[in-house]
Amino acid sequence: MTRRNDGWAGMDWNGWQDHDDIRRRLDQGADPERWGGGRALHRAAVFGSPEVVAELAGRVADVDALDGGTTALWEAVLAGRQANARALAAAGADPWRPLIGGWSPGRLSLAGPTSDLFAVPAGERGLTEEEAAAAREGRRLVAALGDIHYDGTGLACVAGIDAEEAIRRLEATPVGARPTELPEDPDEYEMEESLQIIGVTSVPGGCVVTQPWGYGPQMPGVLTRLSAGTVCYGLYANPKSGDQGSIVRNGVIEGSDLHPGGEPDVDDTSEEVLASYLYRYNAVAYSCAYAGVRPTDARAVVGPPDIWVRLPERDYWTL
């Protein structure tokens, strides 16, 4: 919500593309520094046009003012708004100011699709070999998975074991092709029974356990069994509340109710910031990358898997 007297009443995200309206509002007294609970320039950096960004940048006191620990230029780079990032840099924004996890907007951009977004000044370090390799794998993985629909899907990405070993650890029973008792429409079957049916697929680096209709693979009792001596990243794309992630290492839950594919937090490590940038809005790719599995296409996620199996009846929630 915006304040009634800040001059931005009635603005929606489309409005940040309208340069004439933005300039009119500013000329009539709209506050160039604030919008709602944040900064107008940060909002424009993500949703606005380069002309709007340049207009606001010319009216604020500090083009590199922080909001939530980041600058408007950082937000433009993170959102992939290259033209807006160039407009901010032209207005004096500093691409090489370290912000989160030691990353600056400029160095972060070196890992993205437009590594020539800013001229790298003498003495400024580029990407390490490990970071450059992570960036290459990120681009490959995102392209390999493609634009898939995964709402309602449960996943477990498991490092270092194949489908056969995953089935052994789960003590699951192979059922071959898609079971005939599970119709195409998930609303037509009983959830309790459907959670027992999962797909398992070997991929480079490990395996992926999938359930296109439910959260079965992310149940704690599944992840802890799969993670013996290794690491799992579990994902449930909850249609009601969004993507939910879990990290389980060697039978121990290290993280739950995570938000894979979301923006980096101000206290994230350097590795976490890079992963958030490479896989923003792509929870499936983030989950695969965290576990180190490297599918070559989307089949392990959306099916058909190598094999469907039935989990034994047990309590998968009490550890």
C-alpha atoms as a PDB file:
ATOM      1  CA  MET A   1       0.000   0.000   0.000  1.00  0.00           C
ATOM      2  CA  THR A   2       1.202   3.553  -0.716  1.00  0.00           C
ATOM      3  CA  ARG A   3       0.611   6.579   1.462  1.00  0.00           C
ATOM      4  CA  ARG A   4      -2.149   8.875   0.223  1.00  0.00           C
ATOM      5  CA  ASN A   5       0.105  11.932   0.144  1.00  0.00           C
ATOM      6  CA  ASP A   6       3.246  10.493  -1.440  1.00  0.00           C
ATOM      7  CA  GLY A   7       2.045  11.096  -4.999  1.00  0.00           C
ATOM      8  CA  TRP A   8       2.042   7.435  -6.024  1.00  0.00           C
ATOM      9  CA  ALA A   9      -1.598   6.556  -5.321  1.00  0.00           C
ATOM     10  CA  GLY A  10      -3.052   4.106  -7.830  1.00  0.00           C
ATOM     11  CA  MET A  11       0.313   2.907  -9.140  1.00  0.00           C
ATOM     12  CA  ASP A  12       0.564  -0.744 -10.136  1.00  0.00           C
ATOM     13  CA  TRP A  13       3.599  -2.510 -11.541  1.00  0.00           C
ATOM     14  CA  ASN A  14       2.620  -1.605 -15.111  1.00  0.00           C
ATOM     15  CA  GLY A  15       2.670   2.054 -14.171  1.00  0.00           C
ATOM     16  CA  TRP A  16       6.449   2.043 -13.817  1.00  0.00           C
ATOM     17  CA  GLN A  17       6.685   1.672 -17.591  1.00  0.00           C
ATOM     18  CA  ASP A  18       4.838   4.951 -18.240  1.00  0.00           C
ATOM     19  CA  HIS A  19       7.493   7.651 -18.378  1.00  0.00           C
ATOM     20  CA  ASP A  20       5.061  10.498 -19.056  1.00  0.00           C
ATOM     21  CA  ASP A  21       2.914   9.604 -16.050  1.00  0.00           C
ATOM     22  CA  ILE A  22       5.941   9.173 -13.762  1.00  0.00           C
ATOM     23  CA  ARG A  23       7.344  12.538 -14.798  1.00  0.00           C
ATOM     24  CA  ARG A  24       3.937  14.172 -14.298  1.00  0.00           C
ATOM     25  CA  ARG A  25       3.640  12.700 -10.820  1.00  0.00           C
ATOM     26  CA  LEU A  26       7.129  13.840  -9.909  1.00  0.00           C
ATOM     27  CA  ASP A  27       6.500  17.346 -11.230  1.00  0.00           C
ATOM     28  CA  GLN A  28       3.339  17.470  -9.116  1.00  0.00           C
ATOM     29  CA  GLY A  29       5.202  16.531  -5.951  1.00  0.00           C
ATOM     30  CA  ALA A  30       5.460  12.741  -5.858  1.00  0.00           C
ATOM     31  CA  ASP A  31       8.301  11.709  -3.550  1.00  0.00           C
ATOM     32  CA  PRO A  32      11.175  10.353  -5.699  1.00  0.00           C
ATOM     33  CA  GLU A  33      12.735   8.739  -2.644  1.00  0.00           C
ATOM     34  CA  ARG A  34       9.832   6.643  -1.402  1.00  0.00           C
ATOM     35  CA  TRP A  35       7.163   4.314  -2.725  1.00  0.00           C
ATOM     36  CA  GLY A  36       4.989   2.495  -0.230  1.00  0.00           C
ATOM     37  CA  GLY A  37       7.304   0.848   2.272  1.00  0.00           C
ATOM     38  CA  GLY A  38      10.397   1.026   0.075  1.00  0.00           C
ATOM     39  CA  ARG A  39      12.290   3.170  -2.381  1.00  0.00           C
ATOM     40  CA  ALA A  40      10.775   4.249  -5.684  1.00  0.00           C
ATOM     41  CA  LEU A  41      14.036   3.775  -7.596  1.00  0.00           C
ATOM     42  CA  HIS A  42      14.341   0.169  -6.422  1.00  0.00           C
ATOM     43  CA  ARG A  43      10.800  -0.472  -7.615  1.00  0.00           C
ATOM     44  CA  ALA A  44      11.475   1.105 -10.987  1.00  0.00           C
ATOM     45  CA  ALA A  45      14.751  -0.818 -11.371  1.00  0.00           C
ATOM     46  CA  VAL A  46      12.769  -4.064 -11.432  1.00  0.00           C
ATOM     47  CA  PHE A  47       9.468  -3.068 -13.036  1.00  0.00           C
ATOM     48  CA  GLY A  48      10.184   0.167 -14.862  1.00  0.00           C
ATOM     49  CA  SER A  49      11.512   1.235 -18.235  1.00  0.00           C
ATOM     50  CA  PRO A  50      15.051   2.632 -18.670  1.00  0.00           C
ATOM     51  CA  GLU A  51      13.515   6.084 -19.218  1.00  0.00           C
ATOM     52  CA  VAL A  52      11.646   5.922 -15.912  1.00  0.00           C
ATOM     53  CA  VAL A  53      14.772   4.687 -14.137  1.00  0.00           C
ATOM     54  CA  ALA A  54      16.806   7.558 -15.561  1.00  0.00           C
ATOM     55  CA  GLU A  55      14.093  10.067 -14.585  1.00  0.00           C
ATOM     56  CA  LEU A  56      14.017   8.902 -10.975  1.00  0.00           C
ATOM     57  CA  ALA A  57      17.794   8.523 -10.760  1.00  0.00           C
ATOM     58  CA  GLY A  58      18.126  12.173 -11.707  1.00  0.00           C
ATOM     59  CA  ARG A  59      15.827  13.249  -8.864  1.00  0.00           C
ATOM     60  CA  VAL A  60      17.015  11.195  -5.882  1.00  0.00           C
ATOM     61  CA  ALA A  61      19.673  12.355  -3.446  1.00  0.00           C
ATOM     62  CA  ASP A  62      21.697   9.137  -3.687  1.00  0.00           C
ATOM     63  CA  VAL A  63      21.382   6.767  -6.617  1.00  0.00           C
ATOM     64  CA  ASP A  64      23.124   4.106  -4.499  1.00  0.00           C
ATOM     65  CA  ALA A  65      20.864   4.438  -1.446  1.00  0.00           C
ATOM     66  CA  LEU A  66      20.202   1.123   0.267  1.00  0.00           C
ATOM     67  CA  ASP A  67      16.840  -0.569   0.736  1.00  0.00           C
ATOM     68  CA  GLY A  68      16.912  -3.931   2.483  1.00  0.00           C
ATOM     69  CA  GLY A  69      20.686  -4.007   2.157  1.00  0.00           C
ATOM     70  CA  THR A  70      20.813  -3.555  -1.611  1.00  0.00           C
ATOM     71  CA  THR A  71      20.986  -0.762  -4.166  1.00  0.00           C
ATOM     72  CA  ALA A  72      18.661  -0.216  -7.095  1.00  0.00           C
ATOM     73  CA  LEU A  73      21.460  -1.358  -9.407  1.00  0.00           C
ATOM     74  CA  TRP A  74      21.718  -4.644  -7.532  1.00  0.00           C
ATOM     75  CA  GLU A  75      17.967  -5.176  -7.961  1.00  0.00           C
ATOM     76  CA  ALA A  76      18.160  -4.467 -11.693  1.00  0.00           C
ATOM     77  CA  VAL A  77      21.015  -6.957 -12.168  1.00  0.00           C
ATOM     78  CA  LEU A  78      19.314  -9.609 -10.048  1.00  0.00           C
ATOM     79  CA  ALA A  79      16.074  -9.221 -12.037  1.00  0.00           C
ATOM     80  CA  GLY A  80      17.866  -9.436 -15.369  1.00  0.00           C
ATOM     81  CA  ARG A  81      16.876  -5.874 -16.341  1.00  0.00           C
ATOM     82  CA  GLN A  82      20.066  -5.048 -18.225  1.00  0.00           C
ATOM     83  CA  ALA A  83      18.802  -1.845 -19.841  1.00  0.00           C
ATOM     84  CA  ASN A  84      17.765  -0.522 -16.427  1.00  0.00           C
ATOM     85  CA  ALA A  85      21.158  -1.489 -15.009  1.00  0.00           C
ATOM     86  CA  ARG A  86      22.892   0.477 -17.755  1.00  0.00           C
ATOM     87  CA  ALA A  87      20.660   3.485 -17.090  1.00  0.00           C
ATOM     88  CA  LEU A  88      21.564   3.395 -13.396  1.00  0.00           C
ATOM     89  CA  ALA A  89      25.268   3.078 -14.111  1.00  0.00           C
ATOM     90  CA  ALA A  90      25.017   6.043 -16.501  1.00  0.00           C
ATOM     91  CA  ALA A  91      23.392   8.003 -13.669  1.00  0.00           C
ATOM     92  CA  GLY A  92      26.347   7.311 -11.399  1.00  0.00           C
ATOM     93  CA  ALA A  93      25.420   4.053  -9.639  1.00  0.00           C
ATOM     94  CA  ASP A  94      28.474   2.040  -8.586  1.00  0.00           C
ATOM     95  CA  PRO A  95      28.527  -1.459 -10.134  1.00  0.00           C
ATOM     96  CA  TRP A  96      31.445  -2.561  -7.963  1.00  0.00           C
ATOM     97  CA  ARG A  97      30.143  -1.751  -4.494  1.00  0.00           C
ATOM     98  CA  PRO A  98      30.148  -4.988  -2.405  1.00  0.00           C
ATOM     99  CA  LEU A  99      26.717  -5.699  -0.950  1.00  0.00           C
ATOM    100  CA  ILE A 100      25.607  -9.247  -0.043  1.00  0.00           C
ATOM    101  CA  GLY A 101      27.977 -12.148   0.500  1.00  0.00           C
ATOM    102  CA  GLY A 102      30.853 -10.071  -0.848  1.00  0.00           C
ATOM    103  CA  TRP A 103      29.178  -9.714  -4.248  1.00  0.00           C
ATOM    104  CA  SER A 104      28.788  -6.408  -6.055  1.00  0.00           C
ATOM    105  CA  PRO A 105      26.233  -5.885  -8.832  1.00  0.00           C
ATOM    106  CA  GLY A 106      29.042  -5.794 -11.372  1.00  0.00           C
ATOM    107  CA  ARG A 107      30.736  -8.991 -10.280  1.00  0.00           C
ATOM    108  CA  LEU A 108      27.373 -10.750 -10.044  1.00  0.00           C
ATOM    109  CA  SER A 109      26.617  -9.741 -13.618  1.00  0.00           C
ATOM    110  CA  LEU A 110      29.761 -11.580 -14.750  1.00  0.00           C
ATOM    111  CA  ALA A 111      27.972 -14.833 -13.889  1.00  0.00           C
ATOM    112  CA  GLY A 112      24.895 -13.929 -15.922  1.00  0.00           C
ATOM    113  CA  PRO A 113      23.968 -13.997 -19.595  1.00  0.00           C
ATOM    114  CA  THR A 114      25.417 -10.507 -20.217  1.00  0.00           C
ATOM    115  CA  SER A 115      28.875 -10.708 -18.694  1.00  0.00           C
ATOM    116  CA  ASP A 116      29.879  -7.560 -20.615  1.00  0.00           C
ATOM    117  CA  LEU A 117      27.194  -5.438 -18.901  1.00  0.00           C
ATOM    118  CA  PHE A 118      29.831  -3.265 -17.198  1.00  0.00           C
ATOM    119  CA  ALA A 119      33.446  -2.538 -18.025  1.00  0.00           C
ATOM    120  CA  VAL A 120      35.623  -4.247 -15.414  1.00  0.00           C
ATOM    121  CA  PRO A 121      38.010  -1.695 -13.897  1.00  0.00           C
ATOM    122  CA  ALA A 122      41.678  -2.459 -13.334  1.00  0.00           C
ATOM    123  CA  GLY A 123      42.236  -4.276 -10.082  1.00  0.00           C
ATOM    124  CA  GLU A 124      38.660  -5.548  -9.808  1.00  0.00           C
ATOM    125  CA  ARG A 125      38.595  -9.321  -9.392  1.00  0.00           C
ATOM    126  CA  GLY A 126      36.423 -11.337 -11.701  1.00  0.00           C
ATOM    127  CA  LEU A 127      34.914 -14.735 -11.069  1.00  0.00           C
ATOM    128  CA  THR A 128      36.940 -17.525  -9.517  1.00  0.00           C
ATOM    129  CA  GLU A 129      37.277 -20.763 -11.473  1.00  0.00           C
ATOM    130  CA  GLU A 130      34.688 -22.352  -9.187  1.00  0.00           C
ATOM    131  CA  GLU A 131      32.229 -19.481  -9.659  1.00  0.00           C
ATOM    132  CA  ALA A 132      32.687 -19.505 -13.441  1.00  0.00           C
ATOM    133  CA  ALA A 133      32.070 -23.265 -13.497  1.00  0.00           C
ATOM    134  CA  ALA A 134      28.931 -22.832 -11.369  1.00  0.00           C
ATOM    135  CA  ALA A 135      27.686 -20.160 -13.771  1.00  0.00           C
ATOM    136  CA  ARG A 136      28.240 -22.398 -16.805  1.00  0.00           C
ATOM    137  CA  GLU A 137      26.438 -25.295 -15.132  1.00  0.00           C
ATOM    138  CA  GLY A 138      23.628 -22.948 -14.124  1.00  0.00           C
ATOM    139  CA  ARG A 139      23.025 -21.877 -17.702  1.00  0.00           C
ATOM    140  CA  ARG A 140      23.193 -25.485 -18.915  1.00  0.00           C
ATOM    141  CA  LEU A 141      20.840 -26.778 -16.221  1.00  0.00           C
ATOM    142  CA  VAL A 142      18.223 -24.075 -16.723  1.00  0.00           C
ATOM    143  CA  ALA A 143      18.256 -24.681 -20.477  1.00  0.00           C
ATOM    144  CA  ALA A 144      18.089 -28.460 -20.043  1.00  0.00           C
ATOM    145  CA  LEU A 145      15.048 -28.315 -17.764  1.00  0.00           C
ATOM    146  CA  GLY A 146      13.304 -25.779 -19.966  1.00  0.00           C
ATOM    147  CA  ASP A 147      10.019 -24.078 -19.170  1.00  0.00           C
ATOM    148  CA  ILE A 148       8.188 -26.799 -17.277  1.00  0.00           C
ATOM    149  CA  HIS A 149       4.989 -26.790 -15.260  1.00  0.00           C
ATOM    150  CA  TYR A 150       5.750 -28.249 -11.837  1.00  0.00           C
ATOM    151  CA  ASP A 151       3.076 -26.757  -9.581  1.00  0.00           C
ATOM    152  CA  GLY A 152       2.006 -29.420  -7.100  1.00  0.00           C
ATOM    153  CA  THR A 153       5.120 -31.538  -7.689  1.00  0.00           C
ATOM    154  CA  GLY A 154       7.244 -33.109  -4.964  1.00  0.00           C
ATOM    155  CA  LEU A 155      10.934 -33.821  -5.577  1.00  0.00           C
ATOM    156  CA  ALA A 156      13.940 -35.256  -3.843  1.00  0.00           C
ATOM    157  CA  CYS A 157      17.268 -34.598  -5.559  1.00  0.00           C
ATOM    158  CA  VAL A 158      19.835 -37.051  -4.165  1.00  0.00           C
ATOM    159  CA  ALA A 159      23.582 -36.878  -4.706  1.00  0.00           C
ATOM    160  CA  GLY A 160      25.745 -39.883  -5.449  1.00  0.00           C
ATOM    161  CA  ILE A 161      23.235 -42.732  -5.662  1.00  0.00           C
ATOM    162  CA  ASP A 162      21.294 -44.124  -8.602  1.00  0.00           C
ATOM    163  CA  ALA A 163      17.640 -45.094  -8.890  1.00  0.00           C
ATOM    164  CA  GLU A 164      18.308 -48.705  -7.902  1.00  0.00           C
ATOM    165  CA  GLU A 165      20.012 -47.678  -4.659  1.00  0.00           C
ATOM    166  CA  ALA A 166      17.271 -45.145  -3.888  1.00  0.00           C
ATOM    167  CA  ILE A 167      14.643 -47.872  -4.256  1.00  0.00           C
ATOM    168  CA  ARG A 168      16.658 -50.173  -1.983  1.00  0.00           C
ATOM    169  CA  ARG A 169      16.969 -47.497   0.710  1.00  0.00           C
ATOM    170  CA  LEU A 170      13.262 -46.789   0.614  1.00  0.00           C
ATOM    171  CA  GLU A 171      12.398 -50.504   0.585  1.00  0.00           C
ATOM    172  CA  ALA A 172      10.005 -49.628  -2.216  1.00  0.00           C
ATOM    173  CA  THR A 173       8.294 -52.073  -4.553  1.00  0.00           C
ATOM    174  CA  PRO A 174       8.565 -51.494  -8.314  1.00  0.00           C
ATOM    175  CA  VAL A 175       5.238 -51.191 -10.089  1.00  0.00           C
ATOM    176  CA  GLY A 176       6.567 -50.521 -13.597  1.00  0.00           C
ATOM    177  CA  ALA A 177       4.555 -48.152 -15.768  1.00  0.00           C
ATOM    178  CA  ARG A 178       2.242 -45.515 -14.337  1.00  0.00           C
ATOM    179  CA  PRO A 179      -0.171 -47.410 -12.089  1.00  0.00           C
ATOM    180  CA  THR A 180      -3.609 -47.688 -13.647  1.00  0.00           C
ATOM    181  CA  GLU A 181      -5.299 -46.905 -10.328  1.00  0.00           C
ATOM    182  CA  LEU A 182      -3.930 -43.353 -10.467  1.00  0.00           C
ATOM    183  CA  PRO A 183      -5.887 -41.345 -13.050  1.00  0.00           C
ATOM    184  CA  GLU A 184      -4.492 -38.338 -14.857  1.00  0.00           C
ATOM    185  CA  ASP A 185      -6.561 -35.914 -12.759  1.00  0.00           C
ATOM    186  CA  PRO A 186      -5.022 -35.854  -9.240  1.00  0.00           C
ATOM    187  CA  ASP A 187      -8.354 -34.731  -7.758  1.00  0.00           C
ATOM    188  CA  GLU A 188      -9.853 -38.122  -8.629  1.00  0.00           C
ATOM    189  CA  TYR A 189      -7.761 -40.265  -6.288  1.00  0.00           C
ATOM    190  CA  GLU A 190      -7.272 -40.539  -2.544  1.00  0.00           C
ATOM    191  CA  MET A 191      -4.266 -38.503  -1.399  1.00  0.00           C
ATOM    192  CA  GLU A 192      -3.174 -41.040   1.220  1.00  0.00           C
ATOM    193  CA  GLU A 193      -2.784 -43.779  -1.368  1.00  0.00           C
ATOM    194  CA  SER A 194      -1.299 -41.558  -4.045  1.00  0.00           C
ATOM    195  CA  LEU A 195       1.501 -40.418  -1.730  1.00  0.00           C
ATOM    196  CA  GLN A 196       2.838 -43.972  -1.704  1.00  0.00           C
ATOM    197  CA  ILE A 197       3.509 -43.923  -5.465  1.00  0.00           C
ATOM    198  CA  ILE A 198       6.705 -42.155  -6.567  1.00  0.00           C
ATOM    199  CA  GLY A 199       8.896 -42.107  -9.654  1.00  0.00           C
ATOM    200  CA  VAL A 200      12.662 -42.620  -9.540  1.00  0.00           C
ATOM    201  CA  THR A 201      15.155 -41.688 -12.260  1.00  0.00           C
ATOM    202  CA  SER A 202      18.938 -41.920 -12.433  1.00  0.00           C
ATOM    203  CA  VAL A 203      20.650 -38.736 -13.647  1.00  0.00           C
ATOM    204  CA  PRO A 204      24.279 -37.645 -13.847  1.00  0.00           C
ATOM    205  CA  GLY A 205      25.457 -36.970 -10.307  1.00  0.00           C
ATOM    206  CA  GLY A 206      22.742 -38.994  -8.561  1.00  0.00           C
ATOM    207  CA  CYS A 207      19.017 -39.491  -8.909  1.00  0.00           C
ATOM    208  CA  VAL A 208      15.716 -37.640  -8.746  1.00  0.00           C
ATOM    209  CA  VAL A 209      12.639 -38.911  -6.922  1.00  0.00           C
ATOM    210  CA  THR A 210       9.461 -37.288  -8.207  1.00  0.00           C
ATOM    211  CA  GLN A 211       5.742 -37.172  -7.562  1.00  0.00           C
ATOM    212  CA  PRO A 212       3.957 -34.821  -9.983  1.00  0.00           C
ATOM    213  CA  TRP A 213       0.808 -34.758  -7.828  1.00  0.00           C
ATOM    214  CA  GLY A 214       2.042 -34.497  -4.233  1.00  0.00           C
ATOM    215  CA  TYR A 215       4.638 -33.911  -1.550  1.00  0.00           C
ATOM    216  CA  GLY A 216       5.572 -37.575  -0.975  1.00  0.00           C
ATOM    217  CA  PRO A 217       9.288 -37.280  -1.880  1.00  0.00           C
ATOM    218  CA  GLN A 218       9.770 -34.398   0.555  1.00  0.00           C
ATOM    219  CA  MET A 219       8.364 -36.211   3.574  1.00  0.00           C
ATOM    220  CA  PRO A 220      11.051 -36.352   6.293  1.00  0.00           C
ATOM    221  CA  GLY A 221      11.015 -40.143   6.452  1.00  0.00           C
ATOM    222  CA  VAL A 222      11.741 -40.336   2.730  1.00  0.00           C
ATOM    223  CA  LEU A 223      14.527 -37.749   2.730  1.00  0.00           C
ATOM    224  CA  THR A 224      16.311 -39.130   5.778  1.00  0.00           C
ATOM    225  CA  ARG A 225      16.423 -42.631   4.292  1.00  0.00           C
ATOM    226  CA  LEU A 226      17.658 -41.376   0.940  1.00  0.00           C
ATOM    227  CA  SER A 227      20.345 -39.136   2.443  1.00  0.00           C
ATOM    228  CA  ALA A 228      22.422 -41.769   4.278  1.00  0.00           C
ATOM    229  CA  GLY A 229      26.046 -40.820   3.621  1.00  0.00           C
ATOM    230  CA  THR A 230      25.046 -38.097   1.174  1.00  0.00           C
ATOM    231  CA  VAL A 231      22.842 -35.021   0.759  1.00  0.00           C
ATOM    232  CA  CYS A 232      19.279 -34.491  -0.488  1.00  0.00           C
ATOM    233  CA  TYR A 233      17.409 -31.379  -1.443  1.00  0.00           C
ATOM    234  CA  GLY A 234      13.655 -31.820  -1.159  1.00  0.00           C
ATOM    235  CA  LEU A 235      11.114 -29.608  -2.884  1.00  0.00           C
ATOM    236  CA  TYR A 236       7.358 -29.356  -2.748  1.00  0.00           C
ATOM    237  CA  ALA A 237       5.821 -26.831  -5.134  1.00  0.00           C
ATOM    238  CA  ASN A 238       2.826 -26.102  -2.922  1.00  0.00           C
ATOM    239  CA  PRO A 239       0.033 -24.653  -5.091  1.00  0.00           C
ATOM    240  CA  LYS A 240      -1.302 -22.720  -2.085  1.00  0.00           C
ATOM    241  CA  SER A 241       1.815 -21.310  -0.438  1.00  0.00           C
ATOM    242  CA  GLY A 242       4.626 -21.551  -2.976  1.00  0.00           C
ATOM    243  CA  ASP A 243       7.836 -23.540  -3.236  1.00  0.00           C
ATOM    244  CA  GLN A 244       9.051 -25.214  -0.039  1.00  0.00           C
ATOM    245  CA  GLY A 245      12.545 -26.661   0.258  1.00  0.00           C
ATOM    246  CA  SER A 246      14.369 -28.977   2.668  1.00  0.00           C
ATOM    247  CA  ILE A 247      18.027 -29.914   3.117  1.00  0.00           C
ATOM    248  CA  VAL A 248      18.821 -33.323   4.629  1.00  0.00           C
ATOM    249  CA  ARG A 249      22.374 -34.555   5.051  1.00  0.00           C
ATOM    250  CA  ASN A 250      23.234 -38.061   6.235  1.00  0.00           C
ATOM    251  CA  GLY A 251      19.844 -38.495   7.877  1.00  0.00           C
ATOM    252  CA  VAL A 252      19.858 -35.107   9.603  1.00  0.00           C
ATOM    253  CA  ILE A 253      17.483 -32.314   8.590  1.00  0.00           C
ATOM    254  CA  GLU A 254      19.627 -29.178   8.201  1.00  0.00           C
ATOM    255  CA  GLY A 255      16.973 -26.878   6.797  1.00  0.00           C
ATOM    256  CA  SER A 256      13.223 -26.841   6.227  1.00  0.00           C
ATOM    257  CA  ASP A 257      10.573 -24.457   4.955  1.00  0.00           C
ATOM    258  CA  LEU A 258      13.214 -22.958   2.660  1.00  0.00           C
ATOM    259  CA  HIS A 259      12.456 -20.927  -0.457  1.00  0.00           C
ATOM    260  CA  PRO A 260      14.512 -22.272  -3.370  1.00  0.00           C
ATOM    261  CA  GLY A 261      14.693 -19.919  -6.307  1.00  0.00           C
ATOM    262  CA  GLY A 262      14.004 -16.856  -4.173  1.00  0.00           C
ATOM    263  CA  GLU A 263      16.065 -13.717  -3.727  1.00  0.00           C
ATOM    264  CA  PRO A 264      19.251 -13.874  -1.637  1.00  0.00           C
ATOM    265  CA  ASP A 265      19.041 -12.842   2.015  1.00  0.00           C
ATOM    266  CA  VAL A 266      21.348 -10.203   3.455  1.00  0.00           C
ATOM    267  CA  ASP A 267      23.160 -12.797   5.593  1.00  0.00           C
ATOM    268  CA  ASP A 268      23.657 -15.358   2.795  1.00  0.00           C
ATOM    269  CA  THR A 269      27.090 -16.744   2.016  1.00  0.00           C
ATOM    270  CA  SER A 270      28.842 -16.023  -1.269  1.00  0.00           C
ATOM    271  CA  GLU A 271      27.805 -19.435  -2.629  1.00  0.00           C
ATOM    272  CA  GLU A 272      24.178 -18.917  -1.620  1.00  0.00           C
ATOM    273  CA  VAL A 273      24.033 -15.510  -3.313  1.00  0.00           C
ATOM    274  CA  LEU A 274      25.409 -16.933  -6.563  1.00  0.00           C
ATOM    275  CA  ALA A 275      22.921 -19.819  -6.510  1.00  0.00           C
ATOM    276  CA  SER A 276      20.024 -17.434  -5.870  1.00  0.00           C
ATOM    277  CA  TYR A 277      21.118 -15.342  -8.853  1.00  0.00           C
ATOM    278  CA  LEU A 278      21.625 -18.281 -11.218  1.00  0.00           C
ATOM    279  CA  TYR A 279      18.331 -19.994 -10.300  1.00  0.00           C
ATOM    280  CA  ARG A 280      16.029 -17.109  -9.426  1.00  0.00           C
ATOM    281  CA  TYR A 281      12.374 -18.137  -9.984  1.00  0.00           C
ATOM    282  CA  ASN A 282      13.538 -21.678 -10.841  1.00  0.00           C
ATOM    283  CA  ALA A 283      13.075 -23.817  -7.748  1.00  0.00           C
ATOM    284  CA  VAL A 284      13.592 -27.111  -9.592  1.00  0.00           C
ATOM    285  CA  ALA A 285      16.954 -26.071 -11.025  1.00  0.00           C
ATOM    286  CA  TYR A 286      18.004 -24.698  -7.638  1.00  0.00           C
ATOM    287  CA  SER A 287      17.124 -28.009  -5.963  1.00  0.00           C
ATOM    288  CA  CYS A 288      19.077 -30.020  -8.515  1.00  0.00           C
ATOM    289  CA  ALA A 289      22.082 -27.734  -8.302  1.00  0.00           C
ATOM    290  CA  TYR A 290      22.185 -27.792  -4.514  1.00  0.00           C
ATOM    291  CA  ALA A 291      22.374 -31.577  -4.492  1.00  0.00           C
ATOM    292  CA  GLY A 292      24.807 -31.636  -7.409  1.00  0.00           C
ATOM    293  CA  VAL A 293      22.588 -33.675  -9.723  1.00  0.00           C
ATOM    294  CA  ARG A 294      22.763 -32.750 -13.395  1.00  0.00           C
ATOM    295  CA  PRO A 295      19.730 -33.899 -15.411  1.00  0.00           C
ATOM    296  CA  THR A 296      20.040 -33.478 -19.159  1.00  0.00           C
ATOM    297  CA  ASP A 297      16.325 -32.847 -19.654  1.00  0.00           C
ATOM    298  CA  ALA A 298      13.120 -32.459 -17.642  1.00  0.00           C
ATOM    299  CA  ARG A 299      12.035 -36.115 -17.737  1.00  0.00           C
ATOM    300  CA  ALA A 300      13.259 -36.880 -14.210  1.00  0.00           C
ATOM    301  CA  VAL A 301      10.952 -34.131 -12.931  1.00  0.00           C
ATOM    302  CA  VAL A 302       7.819 -34.284 -15.081  1.00  0.00           C
ATOM    303  CA  GLY A 303       8.079 -37.927 -16.154  1.00  0.00           C
ATOM    304  CA  PRO A 304       7.920 -40.552 -17.238  1.00  0.00           C
ATOM    305  CA  PRO A 305      10.532 -41.683 -14.691  1.00  0.00           C
ATOM    306  CA  ASP A 306      12.819 -44.674 -15.083  1.00  0.00           C
ATOM    307  CA  ILE A 307      10.468 -46.591 -12.819  1.00  0.00           C
ATOM    308  CA  TRP A 308       7.411 -46.106 -10.628  1.00  0.00           C
ATOM    309  CA  VAL A 309       7.556 -47.641  -7.160  1.00  0.00           C
ATOM    310  CA  ARG A 310       5.276 -48.010  -4.181  1.00  0.00           C
ATOM    311  CA  LEU A 311       6.517 -46.977  -0.735  1.00  0.00           C
ATOM    312  CA  PRO A 312       5.828 -49.340   2.152  1.00  0.00           C
ATOM    313  CA  GLU A 313       3.194 -48.205   4.607  1.00  0.00           C
ATOM    314  CA  ARG A 314       4.877 -46.440   7.533  1.00  0.00           C
ATOM    315  CA  ASP A 315       4.919 -43.117   9.367  1.00  0.00           C
ATOM    316  CA  TYR A 316       7.045 -40.820   7.221  1.00  0.00           C
ATOM    317  CA  TRP A 317       6.627 -37.800   9.487  1.00  0.00           C
ATOM    318  CA  THR A 318       7.902 -39.025  12.844  1.00  0.00           C
ATOM    319  CA  LEU A 319      11.682 -39.483  12.922  1.00  0.00           C
END
